[in-house]
Amino acid sequence: MKLWVTPEGDRWLCDECQPEFAEQIEKEEWRVAFEELDQTLRCSHCNHPDVDIPD
């Protein structure tokens, strides 16, 4: 999961959703603040975690 700094504020995006925002990332010059692998983080777009929690 990457924390993107955007003109509208920071947002977490998972690797699966990132391609959907590729054009916007380039156009608005988003930058990655940092990358974190944490099972409690949720994607701002799909609301899924980047890491599945085993049962």
C-alpha atoms as a PDB file:
ATOM      1  CA  MET A   1       0.000   0.000   0.000  1.00  0.00           C
ATOM      2  CA  LYS A   2       1.352   3.409  -0.940  1.00  0.00           C
ATOM      3  CA  LEU A   3       0.469   6.735   0.611  1.00  0.00           C
ATOM      4  CA  TRP A   4       0.072   9.208  -2.255  1.00  0.00           C
ATOM      5  CA  VAL A   5       0.287  12.957  -1.720  1.00  0.00           C
ATOM      6  CA  THR A   6      -2.403  14.487  -3.951  1.00  0.00           C
ATOM      7  CA  PRO A   7      -3.742  18.023  -4.440  1.00  0.00           C
ATOM      8  CA  GLU A   8      -6.940  16.978  -2.584  1.00  0.00           C
ATOM      9  CA  GLY A   9      -5.053  15.367   0.306  1.00  0.00           C
ATOM     10  CA  ASP A  10      -3.191  12.166   1.063  1.00  0.00           C
ATOM     11  CA  ARG A  11      -4.708   8.832   0.089  1.00  0.00           C
ATOM     12  CA  TRP A  12      -3.756   5.205   0.405  1.00  0.00           C
ATOM     13  CA  LEU A  13      -3.905   3.152  -2.808  1.00  0.00           C
ATOM     14  CA  CYS A  14      -3.332  -0.581  -3.144  1.00  0.00           C
ATOM     15  CA  ASP A  15      -1.300  -1.985  -6.025  1.00  0.00           C
ATOM     16  CA  GLU A  16      -4.469  -3.263  -7.726  1.00  0.00           C
ATOM     17  CA  CYS A  17      -6.145   0.176  -7.846  1.00  0.00           C
ATOM     18  CA  GLN A  18      -3.051   2.190  -8.722  1.00  0.00           C
ATOM     19  CA  PRO A  19      -3.299   1.538 -12.517  1.00  0.00           C
ATOM     20  CA  GLU A  20      -6.810   3.053 -12.513  1.00  0.00           C
ATOM     21  CA  PHE A  21      -5.283   6.329 -11.303  1.00  0.00           C
ATOM     22  CA  ALA A  22      -2.147   6.260 -13.510  1.00  0.00           C
ATOM     23  CA  GLU A  23      -3.307   9.111 -15.765  1.00  0.00           C
ATOM     24  CA  GLN A  24      -4.393  11.260 -12.819  1.00  0.00           C
ATOM     25  CA  ILE A  25      -1.131  10.496 -10.967  1.00  0.00           C
ATOM     26  CA  GLU A  26       0.897  11.693 -13.933  1.00  0.00           C
ATOM     27  CA  LYS A  27      -1.302  14.704 -14.754  1.00  0.00           C
ATOM     28  CA  GLU A  28      -1.532  16.027 -11.184  1.00  0.00           C
ATOM     29  CA  GLU A  29       2.033  14.950 -10.306  1.00  0.00           C
ATOM     30  CA  TRP A  30       1.108  12.854  -7.306  1.00  0.00           C
ATOM     31  CA  ARG A  31       4.090  11.606  -5.328  1.00  0.00           C
ATOM     32  CA  VAL A  32       4.545   8.669  -2.994  1.00  0.00           C
ATOM     33  CA  ALA A  33       5.175   9.727   0.598  1.00  0.00           C
ATOM     34  CA  PHE A  34       6.017   6.158   1.606  1.00  0.00           C
ATOM     35  CA  GLU A  35       5.024   2.536   1.184  1.00  0.00           C
ATOM     36  CA  GLU A  36       3.755   0.417   4.052  1.00  0.00           C
ATOM     37  CA  LEU A  37       2.822  -3.246   4.317  1.00  0.00           C
ATOM     38  CA  ASP A  38       0.261  -3.319   7.117  1.00  0.00           C
ATOM     39  CA  GLN A  39      -2.796  -5.529   7.404  1.00  0.00           C
ATOM     40  CA  THR A  40      -4.842  -2.742   9.027  1.00  0.00           C
ATOM     41  CA  LEU A  41      -4.490  -0.235   6.152  1.00  0.00           C
ATOM     42  CA  ARG A  42      -7.349   0.086   3.677  1.00  0.00           C
ATOM     43  CA  CYS A  43      -7.267   1.382   0.116  1.00  0.00           C
ATOM     44  CA  SER A  44      -9.028   4.742  -0.284  1.00  0.00           C
ATOM     45  CA  HIS A  45     -10.632   3.529  -3.499  1.00  0.00           C
ATOM     46  CA  CYS A  46     -11.663  -0.131  -3.026  1.00  0.00           C
ATOM     47  CA  ASN A  47     -11.476  -0.247   0.800  1.00  0.00           C
ATOM     48  CA  HIS A  48      -9.633  -3.604   0.701  1.00  0.00           C
ATOM     49  CA  PRO A  49      -6.442  -4.343   2.636  1.00  0.00           C
ATOM     50  CA  ASP A  50      -3.152  -4.900   0.860  1.00  0.00           C
ATOM     51  CA  VAL A  51      -2.465  -7.907   3.086  1.00  0.00           C
ATOM     52  CA  ASP A  52      -4.959 -10.714   3.669  1.00  0.00           C
ATOM     53  CA  ILE A  53      -5.338 -11.809   7.255  1.00  0.00           C
ATOM     54  CA  PRO A  54      -5.308 -15.610   7.533  1.00  0.00           C
ATOM     55  CA  ASP A  55      -8.111 -17.156   9.584  1.00  0.00           C
END
